[in-house]
PDB file of N, CA and C in Angstrom:
ATOM      1  N   MET A   1     139.814  71.293  -5.392  1.00  0.00           N
ATOM      2  CA  MET A   1     139.369  70.570  -4.212  1.00  0.00           C
ATOM      3  C   MET A   1     138.597  71.547  -3.315  1.00  0.00           C
ATOM      4  N   ASN A   2     137.581  71.055  -2.697  1.00  0.00           N
ATOM      5  CA  ASN A   2     136.736  71.838  -1.800  1.00  0.00           C
ATOM      6  C   ASN A   2     137.551  72.313  -0.587  1.00  0.00           C
ATOM      7  N   PRO A   3     137.504  73.617  -0.226  1.00  0.00           N
ATOM      8  CA  PRO A   3     138.259  74.126   0.930  1.00  0.00           C
ATOM      9  C   PRO A   3     137.894  73.411   2.241  1.00  0.00           C
ATOM     10  N   ARG A   4     136.651  73.042   2.362  1.00  0.00           N
ATOM     11  CA  ARG A   4     136.219  72.339   3.578  1.00  0.00           C
ATOM     12  C   ARG A   4     136.906  70.982   3.687  1.00  0.00           C
ATOM     13  N   THR A   5     137.015  70.277   2.575  1.00  0.00           N
ATOM     14  CA  THR A   5     137.681  68.979   2.561  1.00  0.00           C
ATOM     15  C   THR A   5     139.159  69.127   2.919  1.00  0.00           C
ATOM     16  N   VAL A   6     139.798  70.153   2.377  1.00  0.00           N
ATOM     17  CA  VAL A   6     141.198  70.401   2.679  1.00  0.00           C
ATOM     18  C   VAL A   6     141.370  70.672   4.177  1.00  0.00           C
ATOM     19  N   PHE A   7     140.507  71.518   4.730  1.00  0.00           N
ATOM     20  CA  PHE A   7     140.586  71.833   6.155  1.00  0.00           C
ATOM     21  C   PHE A   7     140.365  70.593   7.015  1.00  0.00           C
ATOM     22  N   LEU A   8     139.354  69.807   6.697  1.00  0.00           N
ATOM     23  CA  LEU A   8     139.064  68.607   7.488  1.00  0.00           C
ATOM     24  C   LEU A   8     140.213  67.597   7.402  1.00  0.00           C
ATOM     25  N   THR A   9     140.816  67.463   6.239  1.00  0.00           N
ATOM     26  CA  THR A   9     141.953  66.558   6.084  1.00  0.00           C
ATOM     27  C   THR A   9     143.129  67.030   6.929  1.00  0.00           C
ATOM     28  N   PHE A  10     143.403  68.329   6.872  1.00  0.00           N
ATOM     29  CA  PHE A  10     144.496  68.897   7.656  1.00  0.00           C
ATOM     30  C   PHE A  10     144.224  68.734   9.157  1.00  0.00           C
ATOM     31  N   ALA A  11     143.015  69.051   9.602  1.00  0.00           N
ATOM     32  CA  ALA A  11     142.664  68.956  11.022  1.00  0.00           C
ATOM     33  C   ALA A  11     142.779  67.519  11.517  1.00  0.00           C
ATOM     34  N   THR A  12     142.308  66.568  10.731  1.00  0.00           N
ATOM     35  CA  THR A  12     142.391  65.163  11.122  1.00  0.00           C
ATOM     36  C   THR A  12     143.837  64.711  11.229  1.00  0.00           C
ATOM     37  N   THR A  13     144.658  65.128  10.285  1.00  0.00           N
ATOM     38  CA  THR A  13     146.082  64.776  10.316  1.00  0.00           C
ATOM     39  C   THR A  13     146.753  65.338  11.559  1.00  0.00           C
ATOM     40  N   MET A  14     146.461  66.593  11.879  1.00  0.00           N
ATOM     41  CA  MET A  14     147.069  67.223  13.042  1.00  0.00           C
ATOM     42  C   MET A  14     146.614  66.576  14.343  1.00  0.00           C
ATOM     43  N   LEU A  15     145.346  66.225  14.436  1.00  0.00           N
ATOM     44  CA  LEU A  15     144.827  65.618  15.663  1.00  0.00           C
ATOM     45  C   LEU A  15     145.351  64.195  15.876  1.00  0.00           C
ATOM     46  N   THR A  16     145.570  63.481  14.811  1.00  0.00           N
ATOM     47  CA  THR A  16     146.000  62.094  14.962  1.00  0.00           C
ATOM     48  C   THR A  16     147.511  61.950  15.082  1.00  0.00           C
ATOM     49  N   SER A  17     148.253  62.995  14.754  1.00  0.00           N
ATOM     50  CA  SER A  17     149.707  62.887  14.918  1.00  0.00           C
ATOM     51  C   SER A  17     150.044  63.206  16.363  1.00  0.00           C
ATOM     52  N   GLY A  18     150.441  62.205  17.109  1.00  0.00           N
ATOM     53  CA  GLY A  18     150.682  62.357  18.534  1.00  0.00           C
ATOM     54  C   GLY A  18     152.108  62.700  18.891  1.00  0.00           C
ATOM     55  N   ALA A  19     152.917  63.032  17.925  1.00  0.00           N
ATOM     56  CA  ALA A  19     154.323  63.329  18.206  1.00  0.00           C
ATOM     57  C   ALA A  19     154.452  64.676  18.904  1.00  0.00           C
ATOM     58  N   ALA A  20     154.988  64.662  20.103  1.00  0.00           N
ATOM     59  CA  ALA A  20     155.215  65.894  20.850  1.00  0.00           C
ATOM     60  C   ALA A  20     156.564  66.477  20.461  1.00  0.00           C
ATOM     61  N   ILE A  21     156.620  67.782  20.371  1.00  0.00           N
ATOM     62  CA  ILE A  21     157.865  68.445  20.038  1.00  0.00           C
ATOM     63  C   ILE A  21     158.571  68.783  21.338  1.00  0.00           C
ATOM     64  N   SER A  22     159.695  68.153  21.556  1.00  0.00           N
ATOM     65  CA  SER A  22     160.426  68.366  22.795  1.00  0.00           C
ATOM     66  C   SER A  22     161.373  69.555  22.657  1.00  0.00           C
ATOM     67  N   ALA A  23     161.414  70.360  23.688  1.00  0.00           N
ATOM     68  CA  ALA A  23     162.321  71.507  23.746  1.00  0.00           C
ATOM     69  C   ALA A  23     162.889  71.544  25.157  1.00  0.00           C
ATOM     70  N   GLU A  24     163.956  72.321  25.340  1.00  0.00           N
ATOM     71  CA  GLU A  24     164.538  72.417  26.670  1.00  0.00           C
ATOM     72  C   GLU A  24     164.879  73.861  26.988  1.00  0.00           C
ATOM     73  N   GLY A  25     164.924  74.156  28.282  1.00  0.00           N
ATOM     74  CA  GLY A  25     165.276  75.493  28.719  1.00  0.00           C
ATOM     75  C   GLY A  25     165.658  75.499  30.188  1.00  0.00           C
ATOM     76  N   PRO A  26     166.434  76.509  30.599  1.00  0.00           N
ATOM     77  CA  PRO A  26     166.848  76.607  31.994  1.00  0.00           C
ATOM     78  C   PRO A  26     165.758  77.222  32.878  1.00  0.00           C
ATOM     79  N   VAL A  27     165.685  76.752  34.097  1.00  0.00           N
ATOM     80  CA  VAL A  27     164.776  77.338  35.085  1.00  0.00           C
ATOM     81  C   VAL A  27     165.453  78.597  35.625  1.00  0.00           C
ATOM     82  N   VAL A  28     164.739  79.741  35.570  1.00  0.00           N
ATOM     83  CA  VAL A  28     165.335  81.013  35.992  1.00  0.00           C
ATOM     84  C   VAL A  28     164.704  81.578  37.258  1.00  0.00           C
ATOM     85  N   TRP A  29     163.571  81.027  37.700  1.00  0.00           N
ATOM     86  CA  TRP A  29     162.897  81.506  38.911  1.00  0.00           C
ATOM     87  C   TRP A  29     162.017  80.387  39.430  1.00  0.00           C
ATOM     88  N   THR A  30     162.009  80.199  40.734  1.00  0.00           N
ATOM     89  CA  THR A  30     161.096  79.239  41.358  1.00  0.00           C
ATOM     90  C   THR A  30     160.533  79.843  42.629  1.00  0.00           C
ATOM     91  N   ASP A  31     159.364  79.381  43.006  1.00  0.00           N
ATOM     92  CA  ASP A  31     158.767  79.757  44.283  1.00  0.00           C
ATOM     93  C   ASP A  31     158.136  78.507  44.876  1.00  0.00           C
ATOM     94  N   THR A  32     158.753  77.981  45.913  1.00  0.00           N
ATOM     95  CA  THR A  32     158.267  76.744  46.522  1.00  0.00           C
ATOM     96  C   THR A  32     157.011  76.952  47.362  1.00  0.00           C
ATOM     97  N   THR A  33     156.668  78.211  47.689  1.00  0.00           N
ATOM     98  CA  THR A  33     155.451  78.449  48.470  1.00  0.00           C
ATOM     99  C   THR A  33     154.192  78.249  47.633  1.00  0.00           C
ATOM    100  N   CYS A  34     154.298  78.450  46.319  1.00  0.00           N
ATOM    101  CA  CYS A  34     153.132  78.298  45.458  1.00  0.00           C
ATOM    102  C   CYS A  34     153.340  77.262  44.356  1.00  0.00           C
ATOM    103  N   HIS A  35     154.546  76.697  44.281  1.00  0.00           N
ATOM    104  CA  HIS A  35     154.884  75.643  43.322  1.00  0.00           C
ATOM    105  C   HIS A  35     154.830  76.121  41.873  1.00  0.00           C
ATOM    106  N   TYR A  36     155.314  77.334  41.648  1.00  0.00           N
ATOM    107  CA  TYR A  36     155.419  77.891  40.301  1.00  0.00           C
ATOM    108  C   TYR A  36     156.882  78.108  39.950  1.00  0.00           C
ATOM    109  N   PHE A  37     157.188  78.072  38.657  1.00  0.00           N
ATOM    110  CA  PHE A  37     158.550  78.347  38.199  1.00  0.00           C
ATOM    111  C   PHE A  37     158.519  78.918  36.793  1.00  0.00           C
ATOM    112  N   ILE A  38     159.624  79.564  36.421  1.00  0.00           N
ATOM    113  CA  ILE A  38     159.735  80.196  35.107  1.00  0.00           C
ATOM    114  C   ILE A  38     160.907  79.565  34.367  1.00  0.00           C
ATOM    115  N   ILE A  39     160.671  79.265  33.088  1.00  0.00           N
ATOM    116  CA  ILE A  39     161.690  78.692  32.209  1.00  0.00           C
ATOM    117  C   ILE A  39     161.988  79.691  31.098  1.00  0.00           C
ATOM    118  N   ARG A  40     163.272  79.873  30.774  1.00  0.00           N
ATOM    119  CA  ARG A  40     163.648  80.649  29.577  1.00  0.00           C
ATOM    120  C   ARG A  40     163.382  79.739  28.388  1.00  0.00           C
ATOM    121  N   LEU A  41     162.443  80.149  27.534  1.00  0.00           N
ATOM    122  CA  LEU A  41     162.045  79.333  26.395  1.00  0.00           C
ATOM    123  C   LEU A  41     163.053  79.463  25.254  1.00  0.00           C
ATOM    124  N   PRO A  42     163.286  78.379  24.537  1.00  0.00           N
ATOM    125  CA  PRO A  42     164.262  78.425  23.442  1.00  0.00           C
ATOM    126  C   PRO A  42     163.687  79.132  22.215  1.00  0.00           C
ATOM    127  N   GLY A  43     164.530  79.918  21.532  1.00  0.00           N
ATOM    128  CA  GLY A  43     164.160  80.539  20.260  1.00  0.00           C
ATOM    129  C   GLY A  43     162.853  81.302  20.311  1.00  0.00           C
ATOM    130  N   GLY A  44     162.208  81.375  19.184  1.00  0.00           N
ATOM    131  CA  GLY A  44     160.887  81.976  19.116  1.00  0.00           C
ATOM    132  C   GLY A  44     160.880  83.485  19.205  1.00  0.00           C
ATOM    133  N   SER A  45     159.733  84.012  19.502  1.00  0.00           N
ATOM    134  CA  SER A  45     159.512  85.446  19.554  1.00  0.00           C
ATOM    135  C   SER A  45     160.115  86.057  20.818  1.00  0.00           C
ATOM    136  N   PRO A  46     160.762  87.235  20.702  1.00  0.00           N
ATOM    137  CA  PRO A  46     161.294  87.887  21.907  1.00  0.00           C
ATOM    138  C   PRO A  46     160.185  88.336  22.860  1.00  0.00           C
ATOM    139  N   ASP A  47     158.953  88.465  22.361  1.00  0.00           N
ATOM    140  CA  ASP A  47     157.830  88.834  23.224  1.00  0.00           C
ATOM    141  C   ASP A  47     157.362  87.674  24.089  1.00  0.00           C
ATOM    142  N   GLU A  48     157.833  86.478  23.794  1.00  0.00           N
ATOM    143  CA  GLU A  48     157.447  85.298  24.568  1.00  0.00           C
ATOM    144  C   GLU A  48     158.679  84.460  24.887  1.00  0.00           C
ATOM    145  N   GLY A  49     159.689  85.105  25.468  1.00  0.00           N
ATOM    146  CA  GLY A  49     160.947  84.425  25.754  1.00  0.00           C
ATOM    147  C   GLY A  49     160.963  83.620  27.034  1.00  0.00           C
ATOM    148  N   PHE A  50     159.926  83.769  27.868  1.00  0.00           N
ATOM    149  CA  PHE A  50     159.868  83.073  29.153  1.00  0.00           C
ATOM    150  C   PHE A  50     158.491  82.441  29.324  1.00  0.00           C
ATOM    151  N   GLY A  51     158.441  81.311  30.027  1.00  0.00           N
ATOM    152  CA  GLY A  51     157.181  80.627  30.285  1.00  0.00           C
ATOM    153  C   GLY A  51     156.973  80.418  31.775  1.00  0.00           C
ATOM    154  N   LEU A  52     155.753  80.677  32.252  1.00  0.00           N
ATOM    155  CA  LEU A  52     155.377  80.467  33.652  1.00  0.00           C
ATOM    156  C   LEU A  52     154.649  79.135  33.761  1.00  0.00           C
ATOM    157  N   PHE A  53     155.138  78.280  34.664  1.00  0.00           N
ATOM    158  CA  PHE A  53     154.578  76.944  34.836  1.00  0.00           C
ATOM    159  C   PHE A  53     154.193  76.726  36.291  1.00  0.00           C
ATOM    160  N   GLY A  54     153.104  76.003  36.496  1.00  0.00           N
ATOM    161  CA  GLY A  54     152.680  75.612  37.834  1.00  0.00           C
ATOM    162  C   GLY A  54     152.786  74.109  37.968  1.00  0.00           C
ATOM    163  N   SER A  55     153.386  73.648  39.043  1.00  0.00           N
ATOM    164  CA  SER A  55     153.584  72.216  39.255  1.00  0.00           C
ATOM    165  C   SER A  55     152.321  71.590  39.839  1.00  0.00           C
ATOM    166  N   LYS A  56     151.909  70.475  39.268  1.00  0.00           N
ATOM    167  CA  LYS A  56     150.771  69.725  39.791  1.00  0.00           C
ATOM    168  C   LYS A  56     151.209  68.736  40.859  1.00  0.00           C
ATOM    169  N   THR A  57     152.534  68.522  40.966  1.00  0.00           N
ATOM    170  CA  THR A  57     153.056  67.523  41.897  1.00  0.00           C
ATOM    171  C   THR A  57     153.612  68.141  43.175  1.00  0.00           C
ATOM    172  N   LYS A  58     153.459  69.441  43.339  1.00  0.00           N
ATOM    173  CA  LYS A  58     153.899  70.156  44.546  1.00  0.00           C
ATOM    174  C   LYS A  58     155.407  70.151  44.747  1.00  0.00           C
ATOM    175  N   SER A  59     156.161  69.914  43.691  1.00  0.00           N
ATOM    176  CA  SER A  59     157.609  70.059  43.742  1.00  0.00           C
ATOM    177  C   SER A  59     158.028  70.775  42.464  1.00  0.00           C
ATOM    178  N   VAL A  60     159.098  71.553  42.560  1.00  0.00           N
ATOM    179  CA  VAL A  60     159.553  72.333  41.408  1.00  0.00           C
ATOM    180  C   VAL A  60     161.050  72.143  41.219  1.00  0.00           C
ATOM    181  N   PRO A  61     161.513  72.272  39.980  1.00  0.00           N
ATOM    182  CA  PRO A  61     162.960  72.199  39.760  1.00  0.00           C
ATOM    183  C   PRO A  61     163.650  73.417  40.355  1.00  0.00           C
ATOM    184  N   LYS A  62     164.942  73.316  40.558  1.00  0.00           N
ATOM    185  CA  LYS A  62     165.721  74.417  41.137  1.00  0.00           C
ATOM    186  C   LYS A  62     166.193  75.362  40.046  1.00  0.00           C
ATOM    187  N   VAL A  63     166.473  76.604  40.428  1.00  0.00           N
ATOM    188  CA  VAL A  63     167.014  77.591  39.503  1.00  0.00           C
ATOM    189  C   VAL A  63     168.332  77.068  38.948  1.00  0.00           C
ATOM    190  N   GLY A  64     168.486  77.159  37.631  1.00  0.00           N
ATOM    191  CA  GLY A  64     169.697  76.696  36.968  1.00  0.00           C
ATOM    192  C   GLY A  64     169.569  75.317  36.351  1.00  0.00           C
ATOM    193  N   GLU A  65     168.605  74.529  36.793  1.00  0.00           N
ATOM    194  CA  GLU A  65     168.417  73.207  36.203  1.00  0.00           C
ATOM    195  C   GLU A  65     167.806  73.351  34.804  1.00  0.00           C
ATOM    196  N   ILE A  66     168.137  72.412  33.934  1.00  0.00           N
ATOM    197  CA  ILE A  66     167.608  72.393  32.569  1.00  0.00           C
ATOM    198  C   ILE A  66     166.491  71.365  32.513  1.00  0.00           C
ATOM    199  N   VAL A  67     165.321  71.789  32.053  1.00  0.00           N
ATOM    200  CA  VAL A  67     164.193  70.870  31.906  1.00  0.00           C
ATOM    201  C   VAL A  67     163.847  70.742  30.431  1.00  0.00           C
ATOM    202  N   GLU A  68     163.291  69.578  30.086  1.00  0.00           N
ATOM    203  CA  GLU A  68     162.885  69.359  28.703  1.00  0.00           C
ATOM    204  C   GLU A  68     161.512  68.718  28.657  1.00  0.00           C
ATOM    205  N   GLY A  69     160.813  68.987  27.575  1.00  0.00           N
ATOM    206  CA  GLY A  69     159.475  68.475  27.351  1.00  0.00           C
ATOM    207  C   GLY A  69     158.805  69.352  26.309  1.00  0.00           C
ATOM    208  N   ASP A  70     157.521  69.193  26.120  1.00  0.00           N
ATOM    209  CA  ASP A  70     156.790  69.986  25.134  1.00  0.00           C
ATOM    210  C   ASP A  70     156.406  71.332  25.761  1.00  0.00           C
ATOM    211  N   ILE A  71     157.416  72.108  26.157  1.00  0.00           N
ATOM    212  CA  ILE A  71     157.205  73.363  26.881  1.00  0.00           C
ATOM    213  C   ILE A  71     156.743  74.510  25.996  1.00  0.00           C
ATOM    214  N   LEU A  72     156.730  74.306  24.701  1.00  0.00           N
ATOM    215  CA  LEU A  72     156.325  75.378  23.791  1.00  0.00           C
ATOM    216  C   LEU A  72     154.883  75.254  23.331  1.00  0.00           C
ATOM    217  N   GLY A  73     154.292  74.074  23.441  1.00  0.00           N
ATOM    218  CA  GLY A  73     153.040  73.900  22.747  1.00  0.00           C
ATOM    219  C   GLY A  73     151.810  73.493  23.519  1.00  0.00           C
ATOM    220  N   VAL A  74     151.932  72.875  24.664  1.00  0.00           N
ATOM    221  CA  VAL A  74     150.733  72.326  25.287  1.00  0.00           C
ATOM    222  C   VAL A  74     150.474  72.940  26.662  1.00  0.00           C
ATOM    223  N   TYR A  75     149.241  72.801  27.125  1.00  0.00           N
ATOM    224  CA  TYR A  75     148.822  73.355  28.412  1.00  0.00           C
ATOM    225  C   TYR A  75     149.294  72.480  29.561  1.00  0.00           C
ATOM    226  N   GLU A  76     148.978  71.198  29.522  1.00  0.00           N
ATOM    227  CA  GLU A  76     149.433  70.268  30.554  1.00  0.00           C
ATOM    228  C   GLU A  76     150.542  69.419  29.954  1.00  0.00           C
ATOM    229  N   VAL A  77     151.677  69.370  30.638  1.00  0.00           N
ATOM    230  CA  VAL A  77     152.834  68.684  30.082  1.00  0.00           C
ATOM    231  C   VAL A  77     153.650  68.056  31.209  1.00  0.00           C
ATOM    232  N   GLU A  78     154.379  67.027  30.866  1.00  0.00           N
ATOM    233  CA  GLU A  78     155.337  66.450  31.807  1.00  0.00           C
ATOM    234  C   GLU A  78     156.722  66.858  31.330  1.00  0.00           C
ATOM    235  N   VAL A  79     157.472  67.488  32.225  1.00  0.00           N
ATOM    236  CA  VAL A  79     158.840  67.885  31.890  1.00  0.00           C
ATOM    237  C   VAL A  79     159.806  67.041  32.716  1.00  0.00           C
ATOM    238  N   THR A  80     161.007  66.912  32.197  1.00  0.00           N
ATOM    239  CA  THR A  80     162.032  66.109  32.851  1.00  0.00           C
ATOM    240  C   THR A  80     163.268  66.961  33.083  1.00  0.00           C
ATOM    241  N   GLU A  81     163.797  66.933  34.283  1.00  0.00           N
ATOM    242  CA  GLU A  81     165.047  67.628  34.577  1.00  0.00           C
ATOM    243  C   GLU A  81     166.161  66.771  33.983  1.00  0.00           C
ATOM    244  N   LYS A  82     166.980  67.376  33.121  1.00  0.00           N
ATOM    245  CA  LYS A  82     167.940  66.605  32.328  1.00  0.00           C
ATOM    246  C   LYS A  82     168.998  65.880  33.147  1.00  0.00           C
ATOM    247  N   ALA A  83     169.562  66.506  34.158  1.00  0.00           N
ATOM    248  CA  ALA A  83     170.672  65.899  34.899  1.00  0.00           C
ATOM    249  C   ALA A  83     170.241  64.719  35.758  1.00  0.00           C
ATOM    250  N   THR A  84     169.082  64.835  36.415  1.00  0.00           N
ATOM    251  CA  THR A  84     168.658  63.801  37.360  1.00  0.00           C
ATOM    252  C   THR A  84     167.576  62.876  36.821  1.00  0.00           C
ATOM    253  N   GLY A  85     166.859  63.307  35.783  1.00  0.00           N
ATOM    254  CA  GLY A  85     165.756  62.504  35.269  1.00  0.00           C
ATOM    255  C   GLY A  85     164.464  62.698  36.043  1.00  0.00           C
ATOM    256  N   GLN A  86     164.460  63.607  37.015  1.00  0.00           N
ATOM    257  CA  GLN A  86     163.261  63.894  37.816  1.00  0.00           C
ATOM    258  C   GLN A  86     162.152  64.411  36.899  1.00  0.00           C
ATOM    259  N   LYS A  87     160.960  63.845  37.022  1.00  0.00           N
ATOM    260  CA  LYS A  87     159.819  64.261  36.194  1.00  0.00           C
ATOM    261  C   LYS A  87     158.885  65.145  37.009  1.00  0.00           C
ATOM    262  N   TYR A  88     158.330  66.144  36.336  1.00  0.00           N
ATOM    263  CA  TYR A  88     157.371  67.066  36.946  1.00  0.00           C
ATOM    264  C   TYR A  88     156.150  67.162  36.044  1.00  0.00           C
ATOM    265  N   SER A  89     154.989  67.019  36.624  1.00  0.00           N
ATOM    266  CA  SER A  89     153.745  67.223  35.895  1.00  0.00           C
ATOM    267  C   SER A  89     153.337  68.681  36.108  1.00  0.00           C
ATOM    268  N   VAL A  90     153.265  69.452  35.018  1.00  0.00           N
ATOM    269  CA  VAL A  90     153.078  70.893  35.145  1.00  0.00           C
ATOM    270  C   VAL A  90     151.980  71.404  34.220  1.00  0.00           C
ATOM    271  N   VAL A  91     151.551  72.616  34.531  1.00  0.00           N
ATOM    272  CA  VAL A  91     150.595  73.345  33.702  1.00  0.00           C
ATOM    273  C   VAL A  91     151.302  74.599  33.202  1.00  0.00           C
ATOM    274  N   HIS A  92     151.267  74.819  31.900  1.00  0.00           N
ATOM    275  CA  HIS A  92     151.895  75.991  31.282  1.00  0.00           C
ATOM    276  C   HIS A  92     150.875  77.134  31.323  1.00  0.00           C
ATOM    277  N   TRP A  93     151.088  78.102  32.223  1.00  0.00           N
ATOM    278  CA  TRP A  93     150.111  79.163  32.445  1.00  0.00           C
ATOM    279  C   TRP A  93     150.229  80.327  31.475  1.00  0.00           C
ATOM    280  N   ALA A  94     151.453  80.789  31.220  1.00  0.00           N
ATOM    281  CA  ALA A  94     151.590  81.993  30.401  1.00  0.00           C
ATOM    282  C   ALA A  94     153.000  82.117  29.859  1.00  0.00           C
ATOM    283  N   ASN A  95     153.134  82.943  28.823  1.00  0.00           N
ATOM    284  CA  ASN A  95     154.436  83.335  28.300  1.00  0.00           C
ATOM    285  C   ASN A  95     154.569  84.840  28.455  1.00  0.00           C
ATOM    286  N   GLY A  96     155.797  85.321  28.544  1.00  0.00           N
ATOM    287  CA  GLY A  96     156.028  86.752  28.664  1.00  0.00           C
ATOM    288  C   GLY A  96     157.384  87.131  28.119  1.00  0.00           C
ATOM    289  N   LYS A  97     157.579  88.438  27.925  1.00  0.00           N
ATOM    290  CA  LYS A  97     158.842  88.888  27.345  1.00  0.00           C
ATOM    291  C   LYS A  97     159.963  88.997  28.368  1.00  0.00           C
ATOM    292  N   SER A  98     159.626  88.960  29.674  1.00  0.00           N
ATOM    293  CA  SER A  98     160.679  89.029  30.679  1.00  0.00           C
ATOM    294  C   SER A  98     160.297  88.207  31.905  1.00  0.00           C
ATOM    295  N   GLU A  99     161.326  87.807  32.621  1.00  0.00           N
ATOM    296  CA  GLU A  99     161.118  87.073  33.870  1.00  0.00           C
ATOM    297  C   GLU A  99     160.337  87.938  34.859  1.00  0.00           C
ATOM    298  N   GLU A 100     160.693  89.222  34.952  1.00  0.00           N
ATOM    299  CA  GLU A 100     160.047  90.140  35.898  1.00  0.00           C
ATOM    300  C   GLU A 100     158.543  90.259  35.634  1.00  0.00           C
ATOM    301  N   THR A 101     158.161  90.287  34.359  1.00  0.00           N
ATOM    302  CA  THR A 101     156.743  90.378  34.007  1.00  0.00           C
ATOM    303  C   THR A 101     155.984  89.169  34.528  1.00  0.00           C
ATOM    304  N   LEU A 102     156.537  87.988  34.328  1.00  0.00           N
ATOM    305  CA  LEU A 102     155.852  86.778  34.779  1.00  0.00           C
ATOM    306  C   LEU A 102     155.840  86.659  36.297  1.00  0.00           C
ATOM    307  N   VAL A 103     156.908  87.077  36.972  1.00  0.00           N
ATOM    308  CA  VAL A 103     156.913  87.062  38.439  1.00  0.00           C
ATOM    309  C   VAL A 103     155.824  87.989  38.949  1.00  0.00           C
ATOM    310  N   ARG A 104     155.729  89.161  38.361  1.00  0.00           N
ATOM    311  CA  ARG A 104     154.729  90.142  38.778  1.00  0.00           C
ATOM    312  C   ARG A 104     153.302  89.629  38.553  1.00  0.00           C
ATOM    313  N   HIS A 105     153.121  88.768  37.567  1.00  0.00           N
ATOM    314  CA  HIS A 105     151.795  88.227  37.267  1.00  0.00           C
ATOM    315  C   HIS A 105     151.601  86.803  37.771  1.00  0.00           C
ATOM    316  N   SER A 106     152.510  86.334  38.628  1.00  0.00           N
ATOM    317  CA  SER A 106     152.334  85.019  39.234  1.00  0.00           C
ATOM    318  C   SER A 106     151.187  85.098  40.251  1.00  0.00           C
ATOM    319  N   PRO A 107     150.661  83.964  40.685  1.00  0.00           N
ATOM    320  CA  PRO A 107     149.539  83.978  41.642  1.00  0.00           C
ATOM    321  C   PRO A 107     149.867  84.756  42.920  1.00  0.00           C
ATOM    322  N   VAL A 108     148.858  85.318  43.544  1.00  0.00           N
ATOM    323  CA  VAL A 108     149.053  86.157  44.725  1.00  0.00           C
ATOM    324  C   VAL A 108     149.614  85.382  45.911  1.00  0.00           C
ATOM    325  N   HIS A 109     149.467  84.072  45.935  1.00  0.00           N
ATOM    326  CA  HIS A 109     149.991  83.291  47.060  1.00  0.00           C
ATOM    327  C   HIS A 109     151.463  82.913  46.889  1.00  0.00           C
ATOM    328  N   CYS A 110     152.127  83.421  45.870  1.00  0.00           N
ATOM    329  CA  CYS A 110     153.574  83.211  45.699  1.00  0.00           C
ATOM    330  C   CYS A 110     154.322  84.244  46.534  1.00  0.00           C
ATOM    331  N   ALA A 111     155.002  83.791  47.570  1.00  0.00           N
ATOM    332  CA  ALA A 111     155.660  84.698  48.514  1.00  0.00           C
ATOM    333  C   ALA A 111     156.743  85.545  47.860  1.00  0.00           C
ATOM    334  N   SER A 112     157.526  84.974  46.957  1.00  0.00           N
ATOM    335  CA  SER A 112     158.633  85.743  46.376  1.00  0.00           C
ATOM    336  C   SER A 112     158.156  86.801  45.389  1.00  0.00           C
ATOM    337  N   ARG A 113     156.898  86.795  45.053  1.00  0.00           N
ATOM    338  CA  ARG A 113     156.327  87.824  44.189  1.00  0.00           C
ATOM    339  C   ARG A 113     156.480  89.205  44.822  1.00  0.00           C
ATOM    340  N   TYR A 114     156.486  89.260  46.134  1.00  0.00           N
ATOM    341  CA  TYR A 114     156.503  90.530  46.854  1.00  0.00           C
ATOM    342  C   TYR A 114     157.888  90.938  47.340  1.00  0.00           C
ATOM    343  N   LYS A 115     158.906  90.141  47.068  1.00  0.00           N
ATOM    344  CA  LYS A 115     160.255  90.495  47.499  1.00  0.00           C
ATOM    345  C   LYS A 115     160.780  91.640  46.649  1.00  0.00           C
ATOM    346  N   LYS A 116     161.458  92.564  47.298  1.00  0.00           N
ATOM    347  CA  LYS A 116     162.071  93.690  46.591  1.00  0.00           C
ATOM    348  C   LYS A 116     163.388  93.236  45.982  1.00  0.00           C
ATOM    349  N   LYS A 117     163.690  93.761  44.807  1.00  0.00           N
ATOM    350  CA  LYS A 117     164.990  93.479  44.192  1.00  0.00           C
ATOM    351  C   LYS A 117     166.054  94.229  44.965  1.00  0.00           C
ATOM    352  N   THR A 118     167.260  93.672  44.993  1.00  0.00           N
ATOM    353  CA  THR A 118     168.356  94.350  45.662  1.00  0.00           C
ATOM    354  C   THR A 118     168.737  95.604  44.878  1.00  0.00           C
ATOM    355  N   LEU A 119     169.146  96.624  45.584  1.00  0.00           N
ATOM    356  CA  LEU A 119     169.486  97.871  44.936  1.00  0.00           C
ATOM    357  C   LEU A 119     170.817  97.770  44.218  1.00  0.00           C
ATOM    358  N   GLY A 120     170.898  98.394  43.056  1.00  0.00           N
ATOM    359  CA  GLY A 120     172.150  98.436  42.316  1.00  0.00           C
ATOM    360  C   GLY A 120     173.071  99.488  42.912  1.00  0.00           C
ATOM    361  N   ALA A 121     174.299  99.530  42.492  1.00  0.00           N
ATOM    362  CA  ALA A 121     175.290 100.474  43.039  1.00  0.00           C
ATOM    363  C   ALA A 121     174.840 101.913  42.829  1.00  0.00           C
ATOM    364  N   ARG A 122     174.215 102.212  41.730  1.00  0.00           N
ATOM    365  CA  ARG A 122     173.785 103.574  41.441  1.00  0.00           C
ATOM    366  C   ARG A 122     172.673 104.015  42.399  1.00  0.00           C
ATOM    367  N   ASP A 123     171.782 103.077  42.772  1.00  0.00           N
ATOM    368  CA  ASP A 123     170.663 103.402  43.650  1.00  0.00           C
ATOM    369  C   ASP A 123     171.085 103.597  45.091  1.00  0.00           C
ATOM    370  N   GLU A 124     172.234 103.072  45.478  1.00  0.00           N
ATOM    371  CA  GLU A 124     172.661 103.140  46.878  1.00  0.00           C
ATOM    372  C   GLU A 124     173.293 104.466  47.233  1.00  0.00           C
ATOM    373  N   GLU A 125     173.654 105.284  46.246  1.00  0.00           N
ATOM    374  CA  GLU A 125     174.363 106.543  46.513  1.00  0.00           C
ATOM    375  C   GLU A 125     173.466 107.563  47.176  1.00  0.00           C
TER     376      GLU A 125
END
């Protein structure tokens, strides 16, 4: 079979299958000043264990809430907070290996981006 035909058949199948893969993860950081939040992504590569999302609806889930939706695969997605059913229309901006990395690379208008972490017991001596 011609490689081009195989590719076109595969591409057409992928484009026409509208089934979204739903995944869920806990919210680990939010910033209500810029409407961004970070979700711990399920499974996958340790280099991309967290996802940075921006809310299009100007509201964000709270830290500790579990959200579900196609958080692993698409740019614009609607996620649902599992306990309340609250829906959020969001944009998936980036993935990173740590929460701190994504906070540091969040937009400059996020106020909590500039907050200092509390000192540990060893640093206070």
